[in-house]
């Protein structure tokens, strides 16, 4: 009931109380005129006598006890995940189920966020509608295609040094390999892709990149020598590398904005150690919305079993 509706209802109740008071011994006629019972009339008369005009308003119908209500501890966890990581209801529900063994529906999480005024994201986190919606796709098997890109990090304060995060993500499983370098050229790109080939537990068939200078002829023929096909996306089409671009946004929201960079940016080895911890968390523990709540490693296990089962 809106405030305007509540005000009209209070005015109507005061009106029949006043009319009955103006004409003694006319309670029955007043009740017939307004279409209410005598029991209802005397209920509002008692409340008006005790609390005045405020007493004729509707009282809260909320029960005094709610045994099945969400516990305060779970509510605090929900608010923490929302305020710190800006997670949506579905992601929060997945985190509570995975890390706290708390089964709660996404709709319940949404109601709690609305109750605490946190249902709206900050302006920089809001969804921006696209003029054209892109259809989601993924390769059927791990290693069929990797998307590779470079994330330009902020300059180290007080210096001209800039760091670069190289990222490779498997199109099928979303398993990632991350590493920070102090330069962005073909030499560092080759070093990174050698590390990717060594660390991933499956054979790589195709690597997809944009047309950056770090991915030109030396890099291209190095991949050919590794029996890996190298393909370029169309110029000015970052959506074709959408999985790696989206993962960079996750890095900003869940890693870099929470990273205490004091003393880390000056030491690239320490920076890479922190980044490796984040990479392990992303691959092995973080539930992924596009994978129906699975982690990338769990998706890898599922796809591997699917490949083995027909021949078993």
C-alpha atoms as a PDB file:
ATOM      1  CA  UNK A   1       0.000   0.000   0.000  1.00  0.00           C
ATOM      2  CA  UNK A   2       1.373   3.402  -1.019  1.00  0.00           C
ATOM      3  CA  UNK A   3       1.584   6.388   1.321  1.00  0.00           C
ATOM      4  CA  UNK A   4      -1.260   8.097  -0.551  1.00  0.00           C
ATOM      5  CA  UNK A   5      -3.497   5.032  -0.188  1.00  0.00           C
ATOM      6  CA  UNK A   6      -2.619   4.772   3.502  1.00  0.00           C
ATOM      7  CA  UNK A   7      -3.504   8.479   4.014  1.00  0.00           C
ATOM      8  CA  UNK A   8      -6.895   8.032   2.306  1.00  0.00           C
ATOM      9  CA  UNK A   9      -7.657   4.989   4.455  1.00  0.00           C
ATOM     10  CA  UNK A  10      -6.763   6.844   7.680  1.00  0.00           C
ATOM     11  CA  UNK A  11      -8.948   9.796   6.607  1.00  0.00           C
ATOM     12  CA  UNK A  12     -11.873   7.453   5.901  1.00  0.00           C
ATOM     13  CA  UNK A  13     -11.613   5.849   9.356  1.00  0.00           C
ATOM     14  CA  UNK A  14     -11.395   9.214  11.102  1.00  0.00           C
ATOM     15  CA  UNK A  15     -14.451  10.303   9.133  1.00  0.00           C
ATOM     16  CA  UNK A  16     -16.734   7.518  10.380  1.00  0.00           C
ATOM     17  CA  UNK A  17     -15.431   7.911  13.949  1.00  0.00           C
ATOM     18  CA  UNK A  18     -16.209  11.623  13.828  1.00  0.00           C
ATOM     19  CA  UNK A  19     -19.649  11.063  12.330  1.00  0.00           C
ATOM     20  CA  UNK A  20     -20.602   8.576  15.059  1.00  0.00           C
ATOM     21  CA  UNK A  21     -19.332  10.993  17.718  1.00  0.00           C
ATOM     22  CA  UNK A  22     -21.366  13.920  16.343  1.00  0.00           C
ATOM     23  CA  UNK A  23     -24.638  11.992  16.605  1.00  0.00           C
ATOM     24  CA  UNK A  24     -24.983  10.028  19.869  1.00  0.00           C
ATOM     25  CA  UNK A  25     -26.518   6.575  19.722  1.00  0.00           C
ATOM     26  CA  UNK A  26     -26.044   6.453  15.932  1.00  0.00           C
ATOM     27  CA  UNK A  27     -23.305   3.804  15.818  1.00  0.00           C
ATOM     28  CA  UNK A  28     -25.567   1.307  14.062  1.00  0.00           C
ATOM     29  CA  UNK A  29     -26.609   3.877  11.420  1.00  0.00           C
ATOM     30  CA  UNK A  30     -22.988   4.938  10.942  1.00  0.00           C
ATOM     31  CA  UNK A  31     -21.884   1.326  10.478  1.00  0.00           C
ATOM     32  CA  UNK A  32     -24.635   0.723   7.921  1.00  0.00           C
ATOM     33  CA  UNK A  33     -23.763   3.923   6.082  1.00  0.00           C
ATOM     34  CA  UNK A  34     -20.049   3.109   5.815  1.00  0.00           C
ATOM     35  CA  UNK A  35     -20.518  -0.649   5.330  1.00  0.00           C
ATOM     36  CA  UNK A  36     -18.560  -1.827   8.359  1.00  0.00           C
ATOM     37  CA  UNK A  37     -19.382  -4.052  11.322  1.00  0.00           C
ATOM     38  CA  UNK A  38     -19.854  -2.765  14.871  1.00  0.00           C
ATOM     39  CA  UNK A  39     -16.866  -4.884  15.933  1.00  0.00           C
ATOM     40  CA  UNK A  40     -14.670  -3.081  13.422  1.00  0.00           C
ATOM     41  CA  UNK A  41     -16.021   0.313  14.503  1.00  0.00           C
ATOM     42  CA  UNK A  42     -15.230  -0.272  18.176  1.00  0.00           C
ATOM     43  CA  UNK A  43     -11.779  -1.646  17.340  1.00  0.00           C
ATOM     44  CA  UNK A  44     -10.820   1.621  15.620  1.00  0.00           C
ATOM     45  CA  UNK A  45     -12.537   3.653  18.323  1.00  0.00           C
ATOM     46  CA  UNK A  46     -10.391   1.997  21.021  1.00  0.00           C
ATOM     47  CA  UNK A  47      -7.200   2.535  19.043  1.00  0.00           C
ATOM     48  CA  UNK A  48      -8.107   6.166  18.390  1.00  0.00           C
ATOM     49  CA  UNK A  49      -8.786   6.749  22.067  1.00  0.00           C
ATOM     50  CA  UNK A  50      -5.436   5.214  23.035  1.00  0.00           C
ATOM     51  CA  UNK A  51      -3.085   6.485  20.301  1.00  0.00           C
ATOM     52  CA  UNK A  52      -4.950   9.339  18.644  1.00  0.00           C
ATOM     53  CA  UNK A  53      -4.955   9.761  14.851  1.00  0.00           C
ATOM     54  CA  UNK A  54      -1.800   7.632  14.539  1.00  0.00           C
ATOM     55  CA  UNK A  55      -3.698   4.668  15.991  1.00  0.00           C
ATOM     56  CA  UNK A  56      -6.108   4.323  13.071  1.00  0.00           C
ATOM     57  CA  UNK A  57      -3.344   3.523  10.595  1.00  0.00           C
ATOM     58  CA  UNK A  58      -2.540  -0.057   9.571  1.00  0.00           C
ATOM     59  CA  UNK A  59      -0.020  -1.804  11.786  1.00  0.00           C
ATOM     60  CA  UNK A  60       2.826  -3.927  10.481  1.00  0.00           C
ATOM     61  CA  UNK A  61       1.794  -7.503   9.745  1.00  0.00           C
ATOM     62  CA  UNK A  62       5.344  -8.709  10.117  1.00  0.00           C
ATOM     63  CA  UNK A  63       5.483 -11.723  12.487  1.00  0.00           C
ATOM     64  CA  UNK A  64       7.230 -11.288  15.831  1.00  0.00           C
ATOM     65  CA  UNK A  65       9.377 -14.353  15.143  1.00  0.00           C
ATOM     66  CA  UNK A  66      10.645 -15.764  11.817  1.00  0.00           C
ATOM     67  CA  UNK A  67      12.352 -19.108  12.479  1.00  0.00           C
ATOM     68  CA  UNK A  68      13.150 -19.606   8.786  1.00  0.00           C
ATOM     69  CA  UNK A  69      14.542 -16.119   8.194  1.00  0.00           C
ATOM     70  CA  UNK A  70      18.080 -15.795   6.809  1.00  0.00           C
ATOM     71  CA  UNK A  71      20.546 -15.621   9.684  1.00  0.00           C
ATOM     72  CA  UNK A  72      22.394 -12.415  10.448  1.00  0.00           C
ATOM     73  CA  UNK A  73      25.735 -14.079   9.698  1.00  0.00           C
ATOM     74  CA  UNK A  74      24.632 -14.973   6.160  1.00  0.00           C
ATOM     75  CA  UNK A  75      23.206 -11.478   5.631  1.00  0.00           C
ATOM     76  CA  UNK A  76      26.552  -9.952   6.648  1.00  0.00           C
ATOM     77  CA  UNK A  77      28.368 -12.212   4.153  1.00  0.00           C
ATOM     78  CA  UNK A  78      25.943 -11.167   1.398  1.00  0.00           C
ATOM     79  CA  UNK A  79      26.458  -7.471   2.127  1.00  0.00           C
ATOM     80  CA  UNK A  80      30.244  -7.924   2.270  1.00  0.00           C
ATOM     81  CA  UNK A  81      30.378  -9.633  -1.148  1.00  0.00           C
ATOM     82  CA  UNK A  82      28.138  -6.954  -2.636  1.00  0.00           C
ATOM     83  CA  UNK A  83      30.018  -3.971  -1.206  1.00  0.00           C
ATOM     84  CA  UNK A  84      33.525  -5.360  -1.752  1.00  0.00           C
ATOM     85  CA  UNK A  85      33.249  -7.207  -5.073  1.00  0.00           C
ATOM     86  CA  UNK A  86      29.953  -5.813  -6.486  1.00  0.00           C
ATOM     87  CA  UNK A  87      28.705  -9.368  -7.135  1.00  0.00           C
ATOM     88  CA  UNK A  88      25.168  -9.934  -8.385  1.00  0.00           C
ATOM     89  CA  UNK A  89      22.616 -12.156  -6.583  1.00  0.00           C
ATOM     90  CA  UNK A  90      23.462 -15.286  -8.597  1.00  0.00           C
ATOM     91  CA  UNK A  91      27.213 -14.924  -8.028  1.00  0.00           C
ATOM     92  CA  UNK A  92      26.695 -14.293  -4.304  1.00  0.00           C
ATOM     93  CA  UNK A  93      24.494 -17.394  -4.005  1.00  0.00           C
ATOM     94  CA  UNK A  94      27.157 -19.461  -5.792  1.00  0.00           C
ATOM     95  CA  UNK A  95      29.903 -18.169  -3.478  1.00  0.00           C
ATOM     96  CA  UNK A  96      27.896 -18.910  -0.339  1.00  0.00           C
ATOM     97  CA  UNK A  97      27.175 -22.439  -1.542  1.00  0.00           C
ATOM     98  CA  UNK A  98      30.781 -23.157  -2.528  1.00  0.00           C
ATOM     99  CA  UNK A  99      32.775 -21.517   0.269  1.00  0.00           C
ATOM    100  CA  UNK A 100      30.331 -21.385   3.212  1.00  0.00           C
ATOM    101  CA  UNK A 101      28.020 -24.359   2.545  1.00  0.00           C
ATOM    102  CA  UNK A 102      25.041 -22.004   2.740  1.00  0.00           C
ATOM    103  CA  UNK A 103      22.243 -22.843   0.283  1.00  0.00           C
ATOM    104  CA  UNK A 104      20.265 -19.695  -0.505  1.00  0.00           C
ATOM    105  CA  UNK A 105      18.289 -18.762  -3.602  1.00  0.00           C
ATOM    106  CA  UNK A 106      19.395 -15.854  -5.772  1.00  0.00           C
ATOM    107  CA  UNK A 107      15.912 -14.333  -5.331  1.00  0.00           C
ATOM    108  CA  UNK A 108      16.426 -14.324  -1.539  1.00  0.00           C
ATOM    109  CA  UNK A 109      19.787 -12.628  -1.978  1.00  0.00           C
ATOM    110  CA  UNK A 110      18.104 -10.004  -4.157  1.00  0.00           C
ATOM    111  CA  UNK A 111      15.446  -9.310  -1.494  1.00  0.00           C
ATOM    112  CA  UNK A 112      18.150  -8.860   1.150  1.00  0.00           C
ATOM    113  CA  UNK A 113      20.026  -6.424  -1.100  1.00  0.00           C
ATOM    114  CA  UNK A 114      16.839  -4.444  -1.722  1.00  0.00           C
ATOM    115  CA  UNK A 115      16.091  -4.350   2.015  1.00  0.00           C
ATOM    116  CA  UNK A 116      19.528  -2.830   2.699  1.00  0.00           C
ATOM    117  CA  UNK A 117      19.464  -0.463  -0.274  1.00  0.00           C
ATOM    118  CA  UNK A 118      22.262  -2.262  -2.151  1.00  0.00           C
ATOM    119  CA  UNK A 119      20.307  -3.547  -5.139  1.00  0.00           C
ATOM    120  CA  UNK A 120      21.792  -0.865  -7.417  1.00  0.00           C
ATOM    121  CA  UNK A 121      25.427  -1.088  -8.473  1.00  0.00           C
ATOM    122  CA  UNK A 122      27.788   1.920  -8.557  1.00  0.00           C
ATOM    123  CA  UNK A 123      27.700   3.872 -11.810  1.00  0.00           C
ATOM    124  CA  UNK A 124      30.995   2.403 -13.047  1.00  0.00           C
ATOM    125  CA  UNK A 125      29.689  -1.160 -12.467  1.00  0.00           C
ATOM    126  CA  UNK A 126      26.306  -0.840 -14.134  1.00  0.00           C
ATOM    127  CA  UNK A 127      25.447  -2.882 -17.196  1.00  0.00           C
ATOM    128  CA  UNK A 128      25.648  -0.853 -20.390  1.00  0.00           C
ATOM    129  CA  UNK A 129      23.313  -2.128 -23.107  1.00  0.00           C
ATOM    130  CA  UNK A 130      24.935  -2.840 -26.446  1.00  0.00           C
ATOM    131  CA  UNK A 131      23.541  -1.646 -29.722  1.00  0.00           C
ATOM    132  CA  UNK A 132      23.923  -5.197 -30.987  1.00  0.00           C
ATOM    133  CA  UNK A 133      23.870  -8.296 -28.836  1.00  0.00           C
ATOM    134  CA  UNK A 134      26.650 -10.791 -29.514  1.00  0.00           C
ATOM    135  CA  UNK A 135      25.847 -14.486 -29.408  1.00  0.00           C
ATOM    136  CA  UNK A 136      27.815 -16.443 -26.799  1.00  0.00           C
ATOM    137  CA  UNK A 137      29.837 -19.371 -28.132  1.00  0.00           C
ATOM    138  CA  UNK A 138      32.605 -21.682 -26.980  1.00  0.00           C
ATOM    139  CA  UNK A 139      34.792 -24.385 -28.455  1.00  0.00           C
ATOM    140  CA  UNK A 140      33.833 -27.972 -27.721  1.00  0.00           C
ATOM    141  CA  UNK A 141      37.196 -29.208 -26.415  1.00  0.00           C
ATOM    142  CA  UNK A 142      40.049 -27.724 -24.339  1.00  0.00           C
ATOM    143  CA  UNK A 143      42.921 -26.337 -26.386  1.00  0.00           C
ATOM    144  CA  UNK A 144      41.020 -25.938 -29.632  1.00  0.00           C
ATOM    145  CA  UNK A 145      41.468 -22.163 -29.356  1.00  0.00           C
ATOM    146  CA  UNK A 146      43.183 -19.814 -26.909  1.00  0.00           C
ATOM    147  CA  UNK A 147      42.561 -16.075 -26.823  1.00  0.00           C
ATOM    148  CA  UNK A 148      45.679 -14.068 -25.988  1.00  0.00           C
ATOM    149  CA  UNK A 149      45.892 -10.360 -25.193  1.00  0.00           C
ATOM    150  CA  UNK A 150      47.843  -7.750 -23.211  1.00  0.00           C
ATOM    151  CA  UNK A 151      46.464  -5.596 -20.400  1.00  0.00           C
ATOM    152  CA  UNK A 152      48.290  -2.267 -20.002  1.00  0.00           C
ATOM    153  CA  UNK A 153      48.736  -1.599 -16.294  1.00  0.00           C
ATOM    154  CA  UNK A 154      49.155   1.787 -14.635  1.00  0.00           C
ATOM    155  CA  UNK A 155      52.557   3.424 -14.590  1.00  0.00           C
ATOM    156  CA  UNK A 156      54.607   3.001 -11.430  1.00  0.00           C
ATOM    157  CA  UNK A 157      54.255   6.290  -9.476  1.00  0.00           C
ATOM    158  CA  UNK A 158      57.329   8.502  -9.720  1.00  0.00           C
ATOM    159  CA  UNK A 159      58.844   6.584 -12.660  1.00  0.00           C
ATOM    160  CA  UNK A 160      58.399   6.161 -16.395  1.00  0.00           C
ATOM    161  CA  UNK A 161      58.180   2.374 -16.006  1.00  0.00           C
ATOM    162  CA  UNK A 162      55.049   0.607 -17.139  1.00  0.00           C
ATOM    163  CA  UNK A 163      54.043  -3.010 -16.608  1.00  0.00           C
ATOM    164  CA  UNK A 164      52.076  -5.246 -18.946  1.00  0.00           C
ATOM    165  CA  UNK A 165      49.916  -8.232 -18.043  1.00  0.00           C
ATOM    166  CA  UNK A 166      49.915 -10.961 -20.707  1.00  0.00           C
ATOM    167  CA  UNK A 167      46.791 -13.124 -20.545  1.00  0.00           C
ATOM    168  CA  UNK A 168      45.899 -16.400 -22.271  1.00  0.00           C
ATOM    169  CA  UNK A 169      42.448 -17.938 -21.772  1.00  0.00           C
ATOM    170  CA  UNK A 170      41.153 -21.231 -23.128  1.00  0.00           C
ATOM    171  CA  UNK A 171      37.956 -20.772 -25.119  1.00  0.00           C
ATOM    172  CA  UNK A 172      36.365 -23.978 -23.807  1.00  0.00           C
ATOM    173  CA  UNK A 173      37.264 -24.125 -20.112  1.00  0.00           C
ATOM    174  CA  UNK A 174      38.205 -20.456 -19.353  1.00  0.00           C
ATOM    175  CA  UNK A 175      41.440 -21.667 -17.732  1.00  0.00           C
ATOM    176  CA  UNK A 176      43.874 -18.747 -17.749  1.00  0.00           C
ATOM    177  CA  UNK A 177      47.628 -18.187 -17.623  1.00  0.00           C
ATOM    178  CA  UNK A 178      48.810 -14.747 -16.459  1.00  0.00           C
ATOM    179  CA  UNK A 179      52.207 -13.084 -16.285  1.00  0.00           C
ATOM    180  CA  UNK A 180      53.475  -9.533 -15.900  1.00  0.00           C
ATOM    181  CA  UNK A 181      56.393  -8.206 -17.967  1.00  0.00           C
ATOM    182  CA  UNK A 182      58.244  -4.905 -17.969  1.00  0.00           C
ATOM    183  CA  UNK A 183      58.010  -4.623 -21.766  1.00  0.00           C
ATOM    184  CA  UNK A 184      55.438  -5.327 -24.436  1.00  0.00           C
ATOM    185  CA  UNK A 185      57.134  -6.644 -27.560  1.00  0.00           C
ATOM    186  CA  UNK A 186      57.519  -9.827 -29.595  1.00  0.00           C
ATOM    187  CA  UNK A 187      60.303 -11.121 -27.368  1.00  0.00           C
ATOM    188  CA  UNK A 188      58.133 -10.991 -24.218  1.00  0.00           C
ATOM    189  CA  UNK A 189      55.152 -12.366 -26.156  1.00  0.00           C
ATOM    190  CA  UNK A 190      57.243 -15.371 -27.217  1.00  0.00           C
ATOM    191  CA  UNK A 191      58.451 -15.899 -23.648  1.00  0.00           C
ATOM    192  CA  UNK A 192      54.874 -15.807 -22.442  1.00  0.00           C
ATOM    193  CA  UNK A 193      53.501 -18.235 -25.017  1.00  0.00           C
ATOM    194  CA  UNK A 194      56.308 -20.701 -24.234  1.00  0.00           C
ATOM    195  CA  UNK A 195      55.238 -20.508 -20.590  1.00  0.00           C
ATOM    196  CA  UNK A 196      51.596 -21.054 -21.609  1.00  0.00           C
ATOM    197  CA  UNK A 197      52.472 -24.173 -23.639  1.00  0.00           C
ATOM    198  CA  UNK A 198      54.506 -25.549 -20.745  1.00  0.00           C
ATOM    199  CA  UNK A 199      51.869 -24.954 -18.065  1.00  0.00           C
ATOM    200  CA  UNK A 200      48.588 -25.917 -19.707  1.00  0.00           C
ATOM    201  CA  UNK A 201      47.610 -29.591 -19.294  1.00  0.00           C
ATOM    202  CA  UNK A 202      46.358 -29.997 -22.874  1.00  0.00           C
ATOM    203  CA  UNK A 203      47.621 -29.503 -26.407  1.00  0.00           C
ATOM    204  CA  UNK A 204      47.013 -26.099 -27.982  1.00  0.00           C
ATOM    205  CA  UNK A 205      45.741 -26.111 -31.551  1.00  0.00           C
ATOM    206  CA  UNK A 206      45.040 -22.416 -32.263  1.00  0.00           C
ATOM    207  CA  UNK A 207      46.014 -19.115 -30.620  1.00  0.00           C
ATOM    208  CA  UNK A 208      43.963 -16.044 -31.455  1.00  0.00           C
ATOM    209  CA  UNK A 209      45.280 -12.486 -30.981  1.00  0.00           C
ATOM    210  CA  UNK A 210      44.607  -8.974 -32.113  1.00  0.00           C
ATOM    211  CA  UNK A 211      46.869  -7.176 -34.563  1.00  0.00           C
ATOM    212  CA  UNK A 212      49.193  -5.624 -31.960  1.00  0.00           C
ATOM    213  CA  UNK A 213      52.865  -5.095 -32.732  1.00  0.00           C
ATOM    214  CA  UNK A 214      53.810  -7.728 -30.130  1.00  0.00           C
ATOM    215  CA  UNK A 215      52.000 -10.427 -32.150  1.00  0.00           C
ATOM    216  CA  UNK A 216      53.622  -9.907 -35.551  1.00  0.00           C
ATOM    217  CA  UNK A 217      55.974 -12.004 -37.730  1.00  0.00           C
ATOM    218  CA  UNK A 218      58.498 -13.301 -35.159  1.00  0.00           C
ATOM    219  CA  UNK A 219      55.703 -14.307 -32.803  1.00  0.00           C
ATOM    220  CA  UNK A 220      53.640 -15.763 -35.655  1.00  0.00           C
ATOM    221  CA  UNK A 221      56.414 -17.985 -37.009  1.00  0.00           C
ATOM    222  CA  UNK A 222      57.416 -19.045 -33.514  1.00  0.00           C
ATOM    223  CA  UNK A 223      53.898 -20.466 -33.079  1.00  0.00           C
ATOM    224  CA  UNK A 224      54.085 -22.154 -36.454  1.00  0.00           C
ATOM    225  CA  UNK A 225      57.316 -23.806 -35.300  1.00  0.00           C
ATOM    226  CA  UNK A 226      55.444 -25.138 -32.263  1.00  0.00           C
ATOM    227  CA  UNK A 227      52.778 -26.597 -34.593  1.00  0.00           C
ATOM    228  CA  UNK A 228      50.233 -24.067 -33.284  1.00  0.00           C
ATOM    229  CA  UNK A 229      48.115 -22.152 -35.746  1.00  0.00           C
ATOM    230  CA  UNK A 230      48.070 -18.383 -35.218  1.00  0.00           C
ATOM    231  CA  UNK A 231      45.017 -16.361 -36.323  1.00  0.00           C
ATOM    232  CA  UNK A 232      44.304 -12.637 -36.090  1.00  0.00           C
ATOM    233  CA  UNK A 233      40.922 -11.111 -35.315  1.00  0.00           C
ATOM    234  CA  UNK A 234      39.564  -8.385 -37.567  1.00  0.00           C
ATOM    235  CA  UNK A 235      40.945  -4.894 -36.860  1.00  0.00           C
ATOM    236  CA  UNK A 236      38.887  -2.794 -34.427  1.00  0.00           C
ATOM    237  CA  UNK A 237      36.855  -5.856 -33.351  1.00  0.00           C
ATOM    238  CA  UNK A 238      37.717  -6.467 -29.670  1.00  0.00           C
ATOM    239  CA  UNK A 239      34.446  -8.384 -29.199  1.00  0.00           C
ATOM    240  CA  UNK A 240      36.008 -11.256 -31.161  1.00  0.00           C
ATOM    241  CA  UNK A 241      38.439 -11.600 -28.262  1.00  0.00           C
ATOM    242  CA  UNK A 242      35.539 -11.227 -25.846  1.00  0.00           C
ATOM    243  CA  UNK A 243      36.541 -13.878 -23.309  1.00  0.00           C
ATOM    244  CA  UNK A 244      39.974 -12.425 -22.630  1.00  0.00           C
ATOM    245  CA  UNK A 245      38.589  -8.873 -22.625  1.00  0.00           C
ATOM    246  CA  UNK A 246      35.911  -9.874 -20.091  1.00  0.00           C
ATOM    247  CA  UNK A 247      38.521 -11.613 -17.934  1.00  0.00           C
ATOM    248  CA  UNK A 248      40.517  -8.367 -17.815  1.00  0.00           C
ATOM    249  CA  UNK A 249      37.447  -6.635 -16.420  1.00  0.00           C
ATOM    250  CA  UNK A 250      37.248  -9.329 -13.723  1.00  0.00           C
ATOM    251  CA  UNK A 251      40.914  -8.641 -12.931  1.00  0.00           C
ATOM    252  CA  UNK A 252      40.099  -4.959 -12.384  1.00  0.00           C
ATOM    253  CA  UNK A 253      37.051  -5.630 -10.212  1.00  0.00           C
ATOM    254  CA  UNK A 254      38.283  -8.539  -8.098  1.00  0.00           C
ATOM    255  CA  UNK A 255      42.074  -8.277  -8.057  1.00  0.00           C
ATOM    256  CA  UNK A 256      43.575  -4.896  -8.871  1.00  0.00           C
ATOM    257  CA  UNK A 257      41.094  -2.722  -6.974  1.00  0.00           C
ATOM    258  CA  UNK A 258      41.746  -4.807  -3.828  1.00  0.00           C
ATOM    259  CA  UNK A 259      45.508  -5.194  -4.298  1.00  0.00           C
ATOM    260  CA  UNK A 260      47.771  -3.383  -1.879  1.00  0.00           C
ATOM    261  CA  UNK A 261      50.393  -2.252  -4.395  1.00  0.00           C
ATOM    262  CA  UNK A 262      52.784  -0.748  -1.872  1.00  0.00           C
ATOM    263  CA  UNK A 263      56.165  -2.238  -2.689  1.00  0.00           C
ATOM    264  CA  UNK A 264      54.709  -4.679  -5.232  1.00  0.00           C
ATOM    265  CA  UNK A 265      54.846  -2.604  -8.413  1.00  0.00           C
ATOM    266  CA  UNK A 266      58.572  -1.938  -7.837  1.00  0.00           C
ATOM    267  CA  UNK A 267      59.334  -5.675  -7.694  1.00  0.00           C
ATOM    268  CA  UNK A 268      58.094  -7.517 -10.776  1.00  0.00           C
ATOM    269  CA  UNK A 269      58.852 -10.911  -9.199  1.00  0.00           C
ATOM    270  CA  UNK A 270      56.661 -10.108  -6.180  1.00  0.00           C
ATOM    271  CA  UNK A 271      53.985  -8.760  -8.515  1.00  0.00           C
ATOM    272  CA  UNK A 272      54.022 -12.028 -10.492  1.00  0.00           C
ATOM    273  CA  UNK A 273      53.818 -14.032  -7.256  1.00  0.00           C
ATOM    274  CA  UNK A 274      50.641 -12.152  -6.258  1.00  0.00           C
ATOM    275  CA  UNK A 275      49.267 -12.512  -9.777  1.00  0.00           C
ATOM    276  CA  UNK A 276      49.918 -16.270  -9.672  1.00  0.00           C
ATOM    277  CA  UNK A 277      47.882 -16.526  -6.455  1.00  0.00           C
ATOM    278  CA  UNK A 278      45.026 -14.728  -8.197  1.00  0.00           C
ATOM    279  CA  UNK A 279      45.400 -16.988 -11.251  1.00  0.00           C
ATOM    280  CA  UNK A 280      45.162 -20.120  -9.085  1.00  0.00           C
ATOM    281  CA  UNK A 281      42.075 -18.771  -7.338  1.00  0.00           C
ATOM    282  CA  UNK A 282      40.466 -17.915 -10.693  1.00  0.00           C
ATOM    283  CA  UNK A 283      41.186 -21.354 -12.179  1.00  0.00           C
ATOM    284  CA  UNK A 284      40.490 -23.619  -9.204  1.00  0.00           C
ATOM    285  CA  UNK A 285      38.116 -21.863  -6.809  1.00  0.00           C
ATOM    286  CA  UNK A 286      36.174 -19.005  -8.428  1.00  0.00           C
ATOM    287  CA  UNK A 287      32.705 -20.071  -9.701  1.00  0.00           C
ATOM    288  CA  UNK A 288      32.149 -18.832 -13.246  1.00  0.00           C
ATOM    289  CA  UNK A 289      28.716 -17.593 -14.302  1.00  0.00           C
ATOM    290  CA  UNK A 290      29.200 -18.649 -17.945  1.00  0.00           C
ATOM    291  CA  UNK A 291      30.086 -22.172 -16.750  1.00  0.00           C
ATOM    292  CA  UNK A 292      26.889 -22.620 -14.690  1.00  0.00           C
ATOM    293  CA  UNK A 293      28.760 -22.031 -11.420  1.00  0.00           C
ATOM    294  CA  UNK A 294      31.656 -24.370 -12.206  1.00  0.00           C
ATOM    295  CA  UNK A 295      35.280 -23.326 -11.904  1.00  0.00           C
ATOM    296  CA  UNK A 296      37.447 -23.509 -15.052  1.00  0.00           C
ATOM    297  CA  UNK A 297      39.262 -26.540 -13.623  1.00  0.00           C
ATOM    298  CA  UNK A 298      35.951 -28.309 -12.933  1.00  0.00           C
ATOM    299  CA  UNK A 299      34.889 -27.607 -16.529  1.00  0.00           C
ATOM    300  CA  UNK A 300      38.201 -29.094 -17.721  1.00  0.00           C
ATOM    301  CA  UNK A 301      37.579 -32.274 -15.694  1.00  0.00           C
ATOM    302  CA  UNK A 302      34.019 -32.531 -17.027  1.00  0.00           C
ATOM    303  CA  UNK A 303      35.107 -32.128 -20.662  1.00  0.00           C
ATOM    304  CA  UNK A 304      37.997 -34.567 -20.227  1.00  0.00           C
ATOM    305  CA  UNK A 305      35.657 -37.206 -18.806  1.00  0.00           C
ATOM    306  CA  UNK A 306      33.232 -36.599 -21.671  1.00  0.00           C
ATOM    307  CA  UNK A 307      36.034 -37.302 -24.167  1.00  0.00           C
ATOM    308  CA  UNK A 308      37.160 -40.478 -22.366  1.00  0.00           C
ATOM    309  CA  UNK A 309      33.750 -42.044 -21.634  1.00  0.00           C
ATOM    310  CA  UNK A 310      32.755 -43.119 -25.207  1.00  0.00           C
ATOM    311  CA  UNK A 311      35.849 -45.300 -25.546  1.00  0.00           C
ATOM    312  CA  UNK A 312      35.723 -46.804 -22.062  1.00  0.00           C
END
